[in-house]
Amino acid sequence: MKLDRITSNPNRMNGQPCIRNLRLTVRRVIELLATYPDREELYQEFPELEEEDIQQALIFVSSYLDDRIVEIPNGYEAVT
């Protein structure tokens, strides 16, 4: 998939990946998704943000995660 909404400009936000060259970093979008479980409230606070921006931010971030098995130490319970 082409991530045409993710931009990086060394003169904006220290070159961090941003959404459509706005002053809204991909990292901030992920943080906002955790903070605003209600997307309508998120869109009210950040009207410049679009659904496709969120989709591409999630794809971009997931591309940096490894597919690996992580051992959970004894004493921790898995929540199901």
Protein backbone atom coordinates (compact mmCIF):
# COMPACT_ATOMS: atom_id res chain seq x y z
CA MET A 1 0.00 0.00 0.00
CA LYS A 2 1.25 3.45 -0.87
CA LEU A 3 1.56 5.64 2.23
CA ASP A 4 1.07 8.94 0.45
CA ARG A 5 -0.23 10.73 3.55
CA ILE A 6 2.93 10.12 5.58
CA THR A 7 5.51 12.84 4.93
CA SER A 8 8.91 13.65 6.34
CA ASN A 9 10.51 17.07 6.02
CA PRO A 10 13.77 17.85 7.86
CA ASN A 11 12.55 21.44 8.34
CA ARG A 12 9.26 20.42 9.97
CA MET A 13 8.91 18.66 13.33
CA ASN A 14 12.63 17.71 13.22
CA GLY A 15 12.02 15.39 10.28
CA GLN A 16 9.61 13.14 12.18
CA PRO A 17 7.03 11.36 10.02
CA CYS A 18 3.94 13.56 9.84
CA ILE A 19 0.43 13.39 8.45
CA ARG A 20 0.12 15.23 5.12
CA ASN A 21 2.96 17.62 5.99
CA LEU A 22 0.88 18.97 8.89
CA ARG A 23 2.42 19.61 12.29
CA LEU A 24 0.83 16.36 13.44
CA THR A 25 3.28 13.48 13.80
CA VAL A 26 2.45 9.84 13.25
CA ARG A 27 3.46 9.21 16.86
CA ARG A 28 0.95 11.82 18.05
CA VAL A 29 -1.82 10.23 15.99
CA ILE A 30 -1.15 6.86 17.67
CA GLU A 31 -1.19 8.55 21.09
CA LEU A 32 -4.48 10.25 20.20
CA LEU A 33 -6.04 6.92 19.25
CA ALA A 34 -5.21 5.64 22.74
CA THR A 35 -6.50 8.82 24.38
CA TYR A 36 -9.73 9.21 22.40
CA PRO A 37 -11.53 5.86 22.17
CA ASP A 38 -14.46 7.73 20.56
CA ARG A 39 -13.38 8.70 17.04
CA GLU A 40 -16.06 11.38 16.77
CA GLU A 41 -14.57 13.17 19.76
CA LEU A 42 -11.12 12.81 18.19
CA TYR A 43 -12.34 14.36 14.94
CA GLN A 44 -13.95 17.23 16.86
CA GLU A 45 -10.65 18.01 18.60
CA PHE A 46 -8.58 17.50 15.43
CA PRO A 47 -10.83 18.36 12.46
CA GLU A 48 -7.88 18.22 10.04
CA LEU A 49 -7.44 14.51 10.77
CA GLU A 50 -9.14 12.11 8.36
CA GLU A 51 -9.87 8.38 8.58
CA GLU A 52 -7.32 7.62 5.85
CA ASP A 53 -4.68 9.49 7.89
CA ILE A 54 -5.33 7.17 10.83
CA GLN A 55 -5.23 4.07 8.64
CA GLN A 56 -1.91 5.03 7.11
CA ALA A 57 -0.43 5.97 10.50
CA LEU A 58 -1.35 2.53 11.85
CA ILE A 59 0.15 0.79 8.81
CA PHE A 60 3.31 2.90 9.03
CA VAL A 61 3.82 2.13 12.73
CA SER A 62 3.05 -1.55 12.34
CA SER A 63 5.74 -1.85 9.68
CA TYR A 64 8.32 -1.11 12.40
CA LEU A 65 7.18 -3.93 14.67
CA ASP A 66 8.84 -7.32 14.57
CA ASP A 67 6.85 -10.52 14.38
CA ARG A 68 8.38 -12.36 17.28
CA ILE A 69 7.40 -14.32 20.32
CA VAL A 70 7.89 -12.52 23.62
CA GLU A 71 8.22 -14.63 26.74
CA ILE A 72 6.07 -13.36 29.59
CA PRO A 73 7.70 -13.89 33.00
CA ASN A 74 5.92 -16.12 35.51
CA GLY A 75 3.63 -14.21 37.80
CA TYR A 76 1.97 -12.23 35.02
CA GLU A 77 -1.52 -13.17 33.98
CA ALA A 78 -2.75 -12.84 30.45
CA VAL A 79 -5.95 -10.87 30.14
CA THR A 80 -8.51 -12.43 27.83
